Amino acid sequence: DHGIDRPHLYMMQPYDPDRRILLMLHGLASSPEAWVNVANEVLGDETLRQNFQIWQVYYPTNMPIALNHAQIRRAVDDALTHFDPDRRARASQDMVVVGHSMGGVIARLMVSSSGNVLWDALMADRDIAPAALPRVQRRLSPFLRFEPMPQIERAVFIAAPHRGTDIAGTRAGRWISRLVRLPLTFLENFDDVLQTLAGSAQTPDGSTGRIPNSIDNLSASDPFVRAAADLPRAPGVTLHTIIAQRDPAIPLAQSNDGLVPYASAHLDDAVSEKVIVSGHSVQETAPAILELRRILHADVAAHPLD
């Protein structure tokens, strides 16, 4: 993952307190380069350029989704605190987040309320000694218990496997997952908790479990993604989906983009859904860019400049 072990936030222009933030999150084994076409279109649109500044996050996609989500939140919050400690600037309000693939799953967590659902999912198949439980809970609660980010008012999910993908659970997916190595800094910082968790999980053959990485998390059978899919979202946030269909001859409900099934990318509570004939990298296509521009223009109309 390009040698990084924590998210890095990049601003495509100098910070402007009077322009709202368009936050872009790339997908698995990708980078902000995946947004080149989208960013160029936004910057080339006079109305959108006057209203938005583009922030992009570069994050290690091999890390567990819960950890990346928490660290991306922190990176955004730290940047806002640096530029606008009192959160009074227009840039600190009404943020729009766009996520492709795994970035869409993370974006959805950013507008969700976890309660105890994710913690309970983690503990469901584990037998942790009572003496160790408070330490594990103290270390992991910040990653598994959260509320929606109040700055975000709109989210666009592109080819996002909200309910996982069968590809991650195939023989090839499991083989790739075993090849993925978590960053040394992560292993060092959470060594005690990781050992406790790994030793408390039992696989079907009776061996101790290993710590799930991002590919494991994207499996349709993974407890984390199954629990996260049904987390309640902030009622004031407007959701949109852009979904790819690789073969239009296949009925939509049974279709996929080569990686993500339609049923996983579909959200009942999205106010709009655009299905595009494309493979998984649909965010690079002209129809997807046009749909995102439509959404952003509608957002600008709903939040006019004073």
C-alpha atoms as a PDB file:
ATOM      1  CA  ASP A   1       0.000   0.000   0.000  1.00  0.00           C
ATOM      2  CA  HIS A   2       2.560   2.521  -1.195  1.00  0.00           C
ATOM      3  CA  GLY A   3       4.479   2.478   2.080  1.00  0.00           C
ATOM      4  CA  ILE A   4       1.931   4.387   4.166  1.00  0.00           C
ATOM      5  CA  ASP A   5       0.577   3.130   7.477  1.00  0.00           C
ATOM      6  CA  ARG A   6      -1.938   5.860   8.314  1.00  0.00           C
ATOM      7  CA  PRO A   7      -4.231   8.185   6.351  1.00  0.00           C
ATOM      8  CA  HIS A   8      -2.859  11.380   4.837  1.00  0.00           C
ATOM      9  CA  LEU A   9      -5.112  14.282   3.921  1.00  0.00           C
ATOM     10  CA  TYR A  10      -4.388  16.221   0.735  1.00  0.00           C
ATOM     11  CA  MET A  11      -5.923  19.531  -0.342  1.00  0.00           C
ATOM     12  CA  MET A  12      -5.957  20.247  -4.058  1.00  0.00           C
ATOM     13  CA  GLN A  13      -6.052  24.007  -3.428  1.00  0.00           C
ATOM     14  CA  PRO A  14      -5.057  26.233  -0.493  1.00  0.00           C
ATOM     15  CA  TYR A  15      -7.642  26.131   2.275  1.00  0.00           C
ATOM     16  CA  ASP A  16     -10.538  28.528   1.683  1.00  0.00           C
ATOM     17  CA  PRO A  17     -12.875  29.173   4.649  1.00  0.00           C
ATOM     18  CA  ASP A  18     -15.671  30.243   2.289  1.00  0.00           C
ATOM     19  CA  ARG A  19     -15.827  27.116   0.138  1.00  0.00           C
ATOM     20  CA  ARG A  20     -17.371  23.886   1.375  1.00  0.00           C
ATOM     21  CA  ILE A  21     -15.405  20.642   1.401  1.00  0.00           C
ATOM     22  CA  LEU A  22     -15.817  17.858  -1.137  1.00  0.00           C
ATOM     23  CA  LEU A  23     -14.098  14.887   0.506  1.00  0.00           C
ATOM     24  CA  MET A  24     -13.065  12.004  -1.771  1.00  0.00           C
ATOM     25  CA  LEU A  25     -12.228   8.508  -0.491  1.00  0.00           C
ATOM     26  CA  HIS A  26     -10.635   5.978  -2.854  1.00  0.00           C
ATOM     27  CA  GLY A  27     -11.110   2.222  -2.775  1.00  0.00           C
ATOM     28  CA  LEU A  28      -9.131  -0.923  -2.129  1.00  0.00           C
ATOM     29  CA  ALA A  29      -5.565  -1.029  -3.493  1.00  0.00           C
ATOM     30  CA  SER A  30      -6.091   2.420  -4.990  1.00  0.00           C
ATOM     31  CA  SER A  31      -5.102   6.037  -4.352  1.00  0.00           C
ATOM     32  CA  PRO A  32      -6.386   9.594  -4.925  1.00  0.00           C
ATOM     33  CA  GLU A  33      -5.267   9.163  -8.539  1.00  0.00           C
ATOM     34  CA  ALA A  34      -8.558   7.307  -9.025  1.00  0.00           C
ATOM     35  CA  TRP A  35     -10.295  10.701  -8.736  1.00  0.00           C
ATOM     36  CA  VAL A  36      -8.278  12.544 -11.424  1.00  0.00           C
ATOM     37  CA  ASN A  37     -11.132  12.705 -13.931  1.00  0.00           C
ATOM     38  CA  VAL A  38     -13.685  13.688 -11.297  1.00  0.00           C
ATOM     39  CA  ALA A  39     -11.471  16.361  -9.761  1.00  0.00           C
ATOM     40  CA  ASN A  40     -10.709  17.865 -13.169  1.00  0.00           C
ATOM     41  CA  GLU A  41     -14.413  18.094 -13.970  1.00  0.00           C
ATOM     42  CA  VAL A  42     -15.217  19.748 -10.639  1.00  0.00           C
ATOM     43  CA  LEU A  43     -12.386  22.251 -10.949  1.00  0.00           C
ATOM     44  CA  GLY A  44     -13.365  22.960 -14.538  1.00  0.00           C
ATOM     45  CA  ASP A  45     -16.945  23.775 -13.574  1.00  0.00           C
ATOM     46  CA  GLU A  46     -17.151  27.423 -12.541  1.00  0.00           C
ATOM     47  CA  THR A  47     -20.145  26.958 -10.240  1.00  0.00           C
ATOM     48  CA  LEU A  48     -18.671  23.944  -8.466  1.00  0.00           C
ATOM     49  CA  ARG A  49     -15.228  25.536  -8.219  1.00  0.00           C
ATOM     50  CA  GLN A  50     -16.723  28.599  -6.499  1.00  0.00           C
ATOM     51  CA  ASN A  51     -18.558  26.445  -3.975  1.00  0.00           C
ATOM     52  CA  PHE A  52     -16.252  23.511  -3.242  1.00  0.00           C
ATOM     53  CA  GLN A  53     -12.655  22.803  -2.322  1.00  0.00           C
ATOM     54  CA  ILE A  54     -11.452  19.242  -2.865  1.00  0.00           C
ATOM     55  CA  TRP A  55      -9.926  17.246  -0.023  1.00  0.00           C
ATOM     56  CA  GLN A  56      -8.653  13.738  -0.681  1.00  0.00           C
ATOM     57  CA  VAL A  57      -7.486  11.045   1.710  1.00  0.00           C
ATOM     58  CA  TYR A  58      -4.683   8.622   0.931  1.00  0.00           C
ATOM     59  CA  TYR A  59      -5.007   5.666   3.308  1.00  0.00           C
ATOM     60  CA  PRO A  60      -3.517   2.170   3.703  1.00  0.00           C
ATOM     61  CA  THR A  61      -6.239  -0.037   2.292  1.00  0.00           C
ATOM     62  CA  ASN A  62      -4.838  -3.202   3.869  1.00  0.00           C
ATOM     63  CA  MET A  63      -5.818  -2.013   7.360  1.00  0.00           C
ATOM     64  CA  PRO A  64      -9.066  -3.114   9.048  1.00  0.00           C
ATOM     65  CA  ILE A  65     -11.916  -0.890   7.895  1.00  0.00           C
ATOM     66  CA  ALA A  66     -12.799   0.176  11.443  1.00  0.00           C
ATOM     67  CA  LEU A  67      -9.293   1.518  12.024  1.00  0.00           C
ATOM     68  CA  ASN A  68      -9.127   3.366   8.702  1.00  0.00           C
ATOM     69  CA  HIS A  69     -12.531   4.891   9.352  1.00  0.00           C
ATOM     70  CA  ALA A  70     -11.493   6.177  12.780  1.00  0.00           C
ATOM     71  CA  GLN A  71      -8.192   7.560  11.517  1.00  0.00           C
ATOM     72  CA  ILE A  72      -9.764   9.254   8.494  1.00  0.00           C
ATOM     73  CA  ARG A  73     -12.280  10.918  10.793  1.00  0.00           C
ATOM     74  CA  ARG A  74      -9.438  12.110  12.978  1.00  0.00           C
ATOM     75  CA  ALA A  75      -7.436  13.439  10.018  1.00  0.00           C
ATOM     76  CA  VAL A  76     -10.418  15.459   8.785  1.00  0.00           C
ATOM     77  CA  ASP A  77     -11.270  16.707  12.263  1.00  0.00           C
ATOM     78  CA  ASP A  78      -7.649  17.691  12.986  1.00  0.00           C
ATOM     79  CA  ALA A  79      -7.505  19.661   9.735  1.00  0.00           C
ATOM     80  CA  LEU A  80     -10.743  21.479  10.525  1.00  0.00           C
ATOM     81  CA  THR A  81      -9.489  22.254  14.030  1.00  0.00           C
ATOM     82  CA  HIS A  82      -6.245  23.624  12.609  1.00  0.00           C
ATOM     83  CA  PHE A  83      -7.946  25.956  10.143  1.00  0.00           C
ATOM     84  CA  ASP A  84     -11.168  26.733  12.014  1.00  0.00           C
ATOM     85  CA  PRO A  85     -11.025  25.901  15.740  1.00  0.00           C
ATOM     86  CA  ASP A  86     -14.462  27.387  16.424  1.00  0.00           C
ATOM     87  CA  ARG A  87     -16.100  25.664  13.427  1.00  0.00           C
ATOM     88  CA  ARG A  88     -17.646  28.930  12.236  1.00  0.00           C
ATOM     89  CA  ALA A  89     -16.372  28.975   8.655  1.00  0.00           C
ATOM     90  CA  ARG A  90     -18.522  27.795   5.774  1.00  0.00           C
ATOM     91  CA  ALA A  91     -15.856  25.172   5.074  1.00  0.00           C
ATOM     92  CA  SER A  92     -16.598  23.496   8.414  1.00  0.00           C
ATOM     93  CA  GLN A  93     -20.244  22.903   7.549  1.00  0.00           C
ATOM     94  CA  ASP A  94     -22.322  20.991   4.998  1.00  0.00           C
ATOM     95  CA  MET A  95     -19.502  18.763   3.774  1.00  0.00           C
ATOM     96  CA  VAL A  96     -20.086  16.366   0.881  1.00  0.00           C
ATOM     97  CA  VAL A  97     -18.273  13.016   0.976  1.00  0.00           C
ATOM     98  CA  VAL A  98     -17.825  10.780  -2.063  1.00  0.00           C
ATOM     99  CA  GLY A  99     -16.502   7.241  -1.683  1.00  0.00           C
ATOM    100  CA  HIS A 100     -15.660   4.597  -4.273  1.00  0.00           C
ATOM    101  CA  SER A 101     -15.711   0.892  -3.401  1.00  0.00           C
ATOM    102  CA  MET A 102     -14.255   0.413   0.107  1.00  0.00           C
ATOM    103  CA  GLY A 103     -14.090   4.208   0.363  1.00  0.00           C
ATOM    104  CA  GLY A 104     -17.874   4.162   0.061  1.00  0.00           C
ATOM    105  CA  VAL A 105     -18.137   1.727   2.973  1.00  0.00           C
ATOM    106  CA  ILE A 106     -15.968   4.065   5.051  1.00  0.00           C
ATOM    107  CA  ALA A 107     -18.011   7.081   3.940  1.00  0.00           C
ATOM    108  CA  ARG A 108     -21.166   5.322   5.087  1.00  0.00           C
ATOM    109  CA  LEU A 109     -19.651   4.732   8.526  1.00  0.00           C
ATOM    110  CA  MET A 110     -18.884   8.451   8.722  1.00  0.00           C
ATOM    111  CA  VAL A 111     -22.619   9.223   8.583  1.00  0.00           C
ATOM    112  CA  SER A 112     -23.723   6.319  10.804  1.00  0.00           C
ATOM    113  CA  SER A 113     -24.327   5.707  14.489  1.00  0.00           C
ATOM    114  CA  SER A 114     -22.785   2.501  15.811  1.00  0.00           C
ATOM    115  CA  GLY A 115     -24.207   2.137  19.297  1.00  0.00           C
ATOM    116  CA  ASN A 116     -22.900  -1.204  20.589  1.00  0.00           C
ATOM    117  CA  VAL A 117     -23.593  -3.083  17.354  1.00  0.00           C
ATOM    118  CA  LEU A 118     -20.000  -3.328  16.080  1.00  0.00           C
ATOM    119  CA  TRP A 119     -18.590  -4.118  19.515  1.00  0.00           C
ATOM    120  CA  ASP A 120     -21.136  -6.902  19.963  1.00  0.00           C
ATOM    121  CA  ALA A 121     -20.300  -8.274  16.497  1.00  0.00           C
ATOM    122  CA  LEU A 122     -16.589  -8.380  17.378  1.00  0.00           C
ATOM    123  CA  MET A 123     -17.230 -10.142  20.666  1.00  0.00           C
ATOM    124  CA  ALA A 124     -19.842 -12.591  19.367  1.00  0.00           C
ATOM    125  CA  ASP A 125     -17.439 -15.480  18.680  1.00  0.00           C
ATOM    126  CA  ARG A 126     -14.718 -14.633  21.166  1.00  0.00           C
ATOM    127  CA  ASP A 127     -14.040 -15.827  24.665  1.00  0.00           C
ATOM    128  CA  ILE A 128     -11.924 -13.155  26.341  1.00  0.00           C
ATOM    129  CA  ALA A 129     -10.803 -13.564  29.929  1.00  0.00           C
ATOM    130  CA  PRO A 130     -12.692 -11.180  32.261  1.00  0.00           C
ATOM    131  CA  ALA A 131      -9.409  -9.661  33.461  1.00  0.00           C
ATOM    132  CA  ALA A 132      -8.437  -8.692  29.898  1.00  0.00           C
ATOM    133  CA  LEU A 133     -11.831  -7.414  28.784  1.00  0.00           C
ATOM    134  CA  PRO A 134     -11.596  -3.850  30.224  1.00  0.00           C
ATOM    135  CA  ARG A 135      -8.240  -3.286  28.506  1.00  0.00           C
ATOM    136  CA  VAL A 136      -9.545  -4.550  25.159  1.00  0.00           C
ATOM    137  CA  GLN A 137     -12.673  -2.455  25.473  1.00  0.00           C
ATOM    138  CA  ARG A 138     -10.704   0.677  26.351  1.00  0.00           C
ATOM    139  CA  ARG A 139      -8.387   0.274  23.365  1.00  0.00           C
ATOM    140  CA  LEU A 140     -11.006  -0.659  20.772  1.00  0.00           C
ATOM    141  CA  SER A 141     -14.030   1.417  21.766  1.00  0.00           C
ATOM    142  CA  PRO A 142     -12.834   4.491  19.817  1.00  0.00           C
ATOM    143  CA  PHE A 143     -12.902   2.378  16.631  1.00  0.00           C
ATOM    144  CA  LEU A 144     -16.175   0.571  17.226  1.00  0.00           C
ATOM    145  CA  ARG A 145     -18.344   3.197  18.902  1.00  0.00           C
ATOM    146  CA  PHE A 146     -19.080   6.456  17.096  1.00  0.00           C
ATOM    147  CA  GLU A 147     -21.753   8.913  16.006  1.00  0.00           C
ATOM    148  CA  PRO A 148     -22.255  10.564  12.587  1.00  0.00           C
ATOM    149  CA  MET A 149     -19.793  13.330  11.729  1.00  0.00           C
ATOM    150  CA  PRO A 150     -21.882  16.487  12.156  1.00  0.00           C
ATOM    151  CA  GLN A 151     -20.091  18.312   9.330  1.00  0.00           C
ATOM    152  CA  ILE A 152     -21.360  15.931   6.617  1.00  0.00           C
ATOM    153  CA  GLU A 153     -24.725  16.691   5.007  1.00  0.00           C
ATOM    154  CA  ARG A 154     -24.525  14.612   1.818  1.00  0.00           C
ATOM    155  CA  ALA A 155     -22.821  11.352   0.825  1.00  0.00           C
ATOM    156  CA  VAL A 156     -22.371   9.723  -2.582  1.00  0.00           C
ATOM    157  CA  PHE A 157     -21.468   6.034  -2.681  1.00  0.00           C
ATOM    158  CA  ILE A 158     -19.974   4.706  -5.921  1.00  0.00           C
ATOM    159  CA  ALA A 159     -19.802   0.916  -6.463  1.00  0.00           C
ATOM    160  CA  ALA A 160     -19.689   0.508  -2.689  1.00  0.00           C
ATOM    161  CA  PRO A 161     -20.036  -3.036  -1.248  1.00  0.00           C
ATOM    162  CA  HIS A 162     -22.120  -2.046   1.778  1.00  0.00           C
ATOM    163  CA  ARG A 163     -23.097  -5.675   2.351  1.00  0.00           C
ATOM    164  CA  GLY A 164     -19.794  -7.120   1.222  1.00  0.00           C
ATOM    165  CA  THR A 165     -18.887  -9.109  -1.847  1.00  0.00           C
ATOM    166  CA  ASP A 166     -18.665 -12.819  -2.527  1.00  0.00           C
ATOM    167  CA  ILE A 167     -15.366 -12.255  -4.343  1.00  0.00           C
ATOM    168  CA  ALA A 168     -13.635 -11.590  -1.018  1.00  0.00           C
ATOM    169  CA  GLY A 169     -14.815 -14.950   0.273  1.00  0.00           C
ATOM    170  CA  THR A 170     -13.738 -17.016  -2.727  1.00  0.00           C
ATOM    171  CA  ARG A 171     -10.650 -19.208  -2.760  1.00  0.00           C
ATOM    172  CA  ALA A 172      -8.749 -16.508  -4.653  1.00  0.00           C
ATOM    173  CA  GLY A 173      -9.953 -13.818  -2.266  1.00  0.00           C
ATOM    174  CA  ARG A 174      -8.900 -15.829   0.770  1.00  0.00           C
ATOM    175  CA  TRP A 175      -5.513 -16.486  -0.827  1.00  0.00           C
ATOM    176  CA  ILE A 176      -4.993 -12.772  -1.467  1.00  0.00           C
ATOM    177  CA  SER A 177      -6.127 -11.981   2.059  1.00  0.00           C
ATOM    178  CA  ARG A 178      -3.496 -14.282   3.511  1.00  0.00           C
ATOM    179  CA  LEU A 179      -0.850 -12.436   1.487  1.00  0.00           C
ATOM    180  CA  VAL A 180      -1.876  -9.060   2.909  1.00  0.00           C
ATOM    181  CA  ARG A 181       0.363  -7.885   5.721  1.00  0.00           C
ATOM    182  CA  LEU A 182      -0.742  -5.351   8.284  1.00  0.00           C
ATOM    183  CA  PRO A 183       1.682  -2.428   8.825  1.00  0.00           C
ATOM    184  CA  LEU A 184       4.328  -2.925  11.502  1.00  0.00           C
ATOM    185  CA  THR A 185       3.315   0.261  13.307  1.00  0.00           C
ATOM    186  CA  PHE A 186      -0.226  -1.055  13.623  1.00  0.00           C
ATOM    187  CA  LEU A 187       0.990  -4.400  14.921  1.00  0.00           C
ATOM    188  CA  GLU A 188       3.311  -2.690  17.397  1.00  0.00           C
ATOM    189  CA  ASN A 189       0.751  -0.184  18.686  1.00  0.00           C
ATOM    190  CA  PHE A 190      -1.944  -2.809  19.223  1.00  0.00           C
ATOM    191  CA  ASP A 191       0.222  -5.841  19.914  1.00  0.00           C
ATOM    192  CA  ASP A 192      -1.318  -6.672  23.300  1.00  0.00           C
ATOM    193  CA  VAL A 193      -4.909  -6.295  22.113  1.00  0.00           C
ATOM    194  CA  LEU A 194      -4.264  -8.162  18.865  1.00  0.00           C
ATOM    195  CA  GLN A 195      -2.786 -11.106  20.714  1.00  0.00           C
ATOM    196  CA  THR A 196      -5.775 -11.222  23.042  1.00  0.00           C
ATOM    197  CA  LEU A 197      -8.257 -11.075  20.172  1.00  0.00           C
ATOM    198  CA  ALA A 198      -6.432 -13.583  17.997  1.00  0.00           C
ATOM    199  CA  GLY A 199      -6.133 -16.005  20.870  1.00  0.00           C
ATOM    200  CA  SER A 200      -9.812 -15.685  21.772  1.00  0.00           C
ATOM    201  CA  ALA A 201     -11.203 -16.442  18.303  1.00  0.00           C
ATOM    202  CA  GLN A 202     -11.722 -20.001  17.168  1.00  0.00           C
ATOM    203  CA  THR A 203     -11.869 -21.015  13.516  1.00  0.00           C
ATOM    204  CA  PRO A 204     -14.042 -23.982  12.449  1.00  0.00           C
ATOM    205  CA  ASP A 205     -11.039 -26.316  12.547  1.00  0.00           C
ATOM    206  CA  GLY A 206     -10.302 -25.347  16.143  1.00  0.00           C
ATOM    207  CA  SER A 207      -7.231 -23.217  15.456  1.00  0.00           C
ATOM    208  CA  THR A 208      -6.831 -19.700  16.747  1.00  0.00           C
ATOM    209  CA  GLY A 209      -8.104 -16.944  14.480  1.00  0.00           C
ATOM    210  CA  ARG A 210      -6.043 -14.185  12.948  1.00  0.00           C
ATOM    211  CA  ILE A 211      -6.825 -10.481  12.868  1.00  0.00           C
ATOM    212  CA  PRO A 212      -9.069  -9.637   9.880  1.00  0.00           C
ATOM    213  CA  ASN A 213      -7.690  -7.208   7.305  1.00  0.00           C
ATOM    214  CA  SER A 214      -9.642  -5.052   4.861  1.00  0.00           C
ATOM    215  CA  ILE A 215     -10.174  -7.874   2.351  1.00  0.00           C
ATOM    216  CA  ASP A 216     -11.620 -10.048   5.111  1.00  0.00           C
ATOM    217  CA  ASN A 217     -13.874  -7.139   6.108  1.00  0.00           C
ATOM    218  CA  LEU A 218     -15.280  -6.930   2.561  1.00  0.00           C
ATOM    219  CA  SER A 219     -16.436 -10.537   2.522  1.00  0.00           C
ATOM    220  CA  ALA A 220     -20.222 -10.855   2.504  1.00  0.00           C
ATOM    221  CA  SER A 221     -19.908 -13.249   5.460  1.00  0.00           C
ATOM    222  CA  ASP A 222     -17.678 -10.978   7.562  1.00  0.00           C
ATOM    223  CA  PRO A 223     -19.334 -10.047  10.895  1.00  0.00           C
ATOM    224  CA  PHE A 224     -18.105  -6.443  10.688  1.00  0.00           C
ATOM    225  CA  VAL A 225     -19.535  -5.612   7.266  1.00  0.00           C
ATOM    226  CA  ARG A 226     -22.779  -7.449   8.060  1.00  0.00           C
ATOM    227  CA  ALA A 227     -23.233  -5.443  11.241  1.00  0.00           C
ATOM    228  CA  ALA A 228     -22.150  -2.151   9.659  1.00  0.00           C
ATOM    229  CA  ALA A 229     -24.639  -2.514   6.796  1.00  0.00           C
ATOM    230  CA  ASP A 230     -27.608  -1.953   9.083  1.00  0.00           C
ATOM    231  CA  LEU A 231     -26.268   0.861  11.251  1.00  0.00           C
ATOM    232  CA  PRO A 232     -28.685   3.815  11.395  1.00  0.00           C
ATOM    233  CA  ARG A 233     -27.609   6.888   9.470  1.00  0.00           C
ATOM    234  CA  ALA A 234     -27.941  10.504  10.541  1.00  0.00           C
ATOM    235  CA  PRO A 235     -31.467  11.587   9.552  1.00  0.00           C
ATOM    236  CA  GLY A 236     -30.306  14.908   8.099  1.00  0.00           C
ATOM    237  CA  VAL A 237     -27.827  13.380   5.646  1.00  0.00           C
ATOM    238  CA  THR A 238     -28.837  12.934   2.003  1.00  0.00           C
ATOM    239  CA  LEU A 239     -27.570   9.730   0.388  1.00  0.00           C
ATOM    240  CA  HIS A 240     -26.956   8.911  -3.295  1.00  0.00           C
ATOM    241  CA  THR A 241     -25.681   5.765  -5.001  1.00  0.00           C
ATOM    242  CA  ILE A 242     -23.949   5.256  -8.334  1.00  0.00           C
ATOM    243  CA  ILE A 243     -23.883   1.566  -9.207  1.00  0.00           C
ATOM    244  CA  ALA A 244     -22.109  -0.286 -12.014  1.00  0.00           C
ATOM    245  CA  GLN A 245     -23.656  -3.147 -13.972  1.00  0.00           C
ATOM    246  CA  ARG A 246     -21.108  -5.064 -16.021  1.00  0.00           C
ATOM    247  CA  ASP A 247     -23.590  -7.058 -18.138  1.00  0.00           C
ATOM    248  CA  PRO A 248     -26.895  -5.297 -18.923  1.00  0.00           C
ATOM    249  CA  ALA A 249     -28.338  -8.583 -20.189  1.00  0.00           C
ATOM    250  CA  ILE A 250     -28.469  -9.869 -16.611  1.00  0.00           C
ATOM    251  CA  PRO A 251     -31.468  -8.713 -14.531  1.00  0.00           C
ATOM    252  CA  LEU A 252     -30.415  -5.785 -12.361  1.00  0.00           C
ATOM    253  CA  ALA A 253     -31.180  -7.462  -9.038  1.00  0.00           C
ATOM    254  CA  GLN A 254     -28.857 -10.370  -9.930  1.00  0.00           C
ATOM    255  CA  SER A 255     -26.162  -8.272 -11.605  1.00  0.00           C
ATOM    256  CA  ASN A 256     -22.732  -7.088 -10.453  1.00  0.00           C
ATOM    257  CA  ASP A 257     -19.863  -4.915 -11.644  1.00  0.00           C
ATOM    258  CA  GLY A 258     -17.357  -7.741 -11.653  1.00  0.00           C
ATOM    259  CA  LEU A 259     -16.683  -7.314  -7.940  1.00  0.00           C
ATOM    260  CA  VAL A 260     -19.692  -5.806  -6.178  1.00  0.00           C
ATOM    261  CA  PRO A 261     -23.237  -7.218  -6.490  1.00  0.00           C
ATOM    262  CA  TYR A 262     -26.047  -4.765  -7.156  1.00  0.00           C
ATOM    263  CA  ALA A 263     -27.764  -5.974  -3.979  1.00  0.00           C
ATOM    264  CA  SER A 264     -24.717  -4.938  -1.953  1.00  0.00           C
ATOM    265  CA  ALA A 265     -24.385  -1.479  -3.523  1.00  0.00           C
ATOM    266  CA  HIS A 266     -28.111  -0.652  -3.420  1.00  0.00           C
ATOM    267  CA  LEU A 267     -29.485   1.395  -0.512  1.00  0.00           C
ATOM    268  CA  ASP A 268     -33.196   1.665   0.159  1.00  0.00           C
ATOM    269  CA  ASP A 269     -32.793   5.094   1.761  1.00  0.00           C
ATOM    270  CA  ALA A 270     -30.807   6.717  -1.064  1.00  0.00           C
ATOM    271  CA  VAL A 271     -32.691   9.613  -2.672  1.00  0.00           C
ATOM    272  CA  SER A 272     -31.182   8.770  -6.067  1.00  0.00           C
ATOM    273  CA  GLU A 273     -29.648   5.718  -7.697  1.00  0.00           C
ATOM    274  CA  LYS A 274     -27.850   5.808 -11.036  1.00  0.00           C
ATOM    275  CA  VAL A 275     -27.029   2.461 -12.660  1.00  0.00           C
ATOM    276  CA  ILE A 276     -24.291   2.633 -15.300  1.00  0.00           C
ATOM    277  CA  VAL A 277     -23.109  -0.120 -17.631  1.00  0.00           C
ATOM    278  CA  SER A 278     -19.491  -0.402 -16.523  1.00  0.00           C
ATOM    279  CA  GLY A 279     -16.999  -2.408 -14.580  1.00  0.00           C
ATOM    280  CA  HIS A 280     -16.051  -1.690 -10.984  1.00  0.00           C
ATOM    281  CA  SER A 281     -13.963   1.420 -11.791  1.00  0.00           C
ATOM    282  CA  VAL A 282     -17.133   3.238 -12.766  1.00  0.00           C
ATOM    283  CA  GLN A 283     -16.045   6.476 -11.072  1.00  0.00           C
ATOM    284  CA  GLU A 284     -13.739   7.122 -14.051  1.00  0.00           C
ATOM    285  CA  THR A 285     -16.540   6.990 -16.643  1.00  0.00           C
ATOM    286  CA  ALA A 286     -18.288   9.975 -18.206  1.00  0.00           C
ATOM    287  CA  PRO A 287     -21.815   8.923 -17.100  1.00  0.00           C
ATOM    288  CA  ALA A 288     -20.691   8.634 -13.463  1.00  0.00           C
ATOM    289  CA  ILE A 289     -18.962  12.010 -13.578  1.00  0.00           C
ATOM    290  CA  LEU A 290     -22.062  13.610 -15.116  1.00  0.00           C
ATOM    291  CA  GLU A 291     -24.230  12.098 -12.369  1.00  0.00           C
ATOM    292  CA  LEU A 292     -21.900  13.368  -9.670  1.00  0.00           C
ATOM    293  CA  ARG A 293     -21.941  16.825 -11.260  1.00  0.00           C
ATOM    294  CA  ARG A 294     -25.745  16.715 -11.242  1.00  0.00           C
ATOM    295  CA  ILE A 295     -25.758  15.828  -7.548  1.00  0.00           C
ATOM    296  CA  LEU A 296     -23.268  18.556  -6.697  1.00  0.00           C
ATOM    297  CA  HIS A 297     -25.175  21.205  -8.650  1.00  0.00           C
ATOM    298  CA  ALA A 298     -28.360  20.227  -6.812  1.00  0.00           C
ATOM    299  CA  ASP A 299     -26.431  20.510  -3.561  1.00  0.00           C
ATOM    300  CA  VAL A 300     -25.188  23.979  -4.482  1.00  0.00           C
ATOM    301  CA  ALA A 301     -28.759  25.046  -5.235  1.00  0.00           C
ATOM    302  CA  ALA A 302     -29.770  23.855  -1.776  1.00  0.00           C
ATOM    303  CA  HIS A 303     -26.879  25.743  -0.118  1.00  0.00           C
ATOM    304  CA  PRO A 304     -26.556  29.057  -1.998  1.00  0.00           C
ATOM    305  CA  LEU A 305     -23.767  31.488  -1.263  1.00  0.00           C
ATOM    306  CA  ASP A 306     -24.836  34.416   0.949  1.00  0.00           C
END
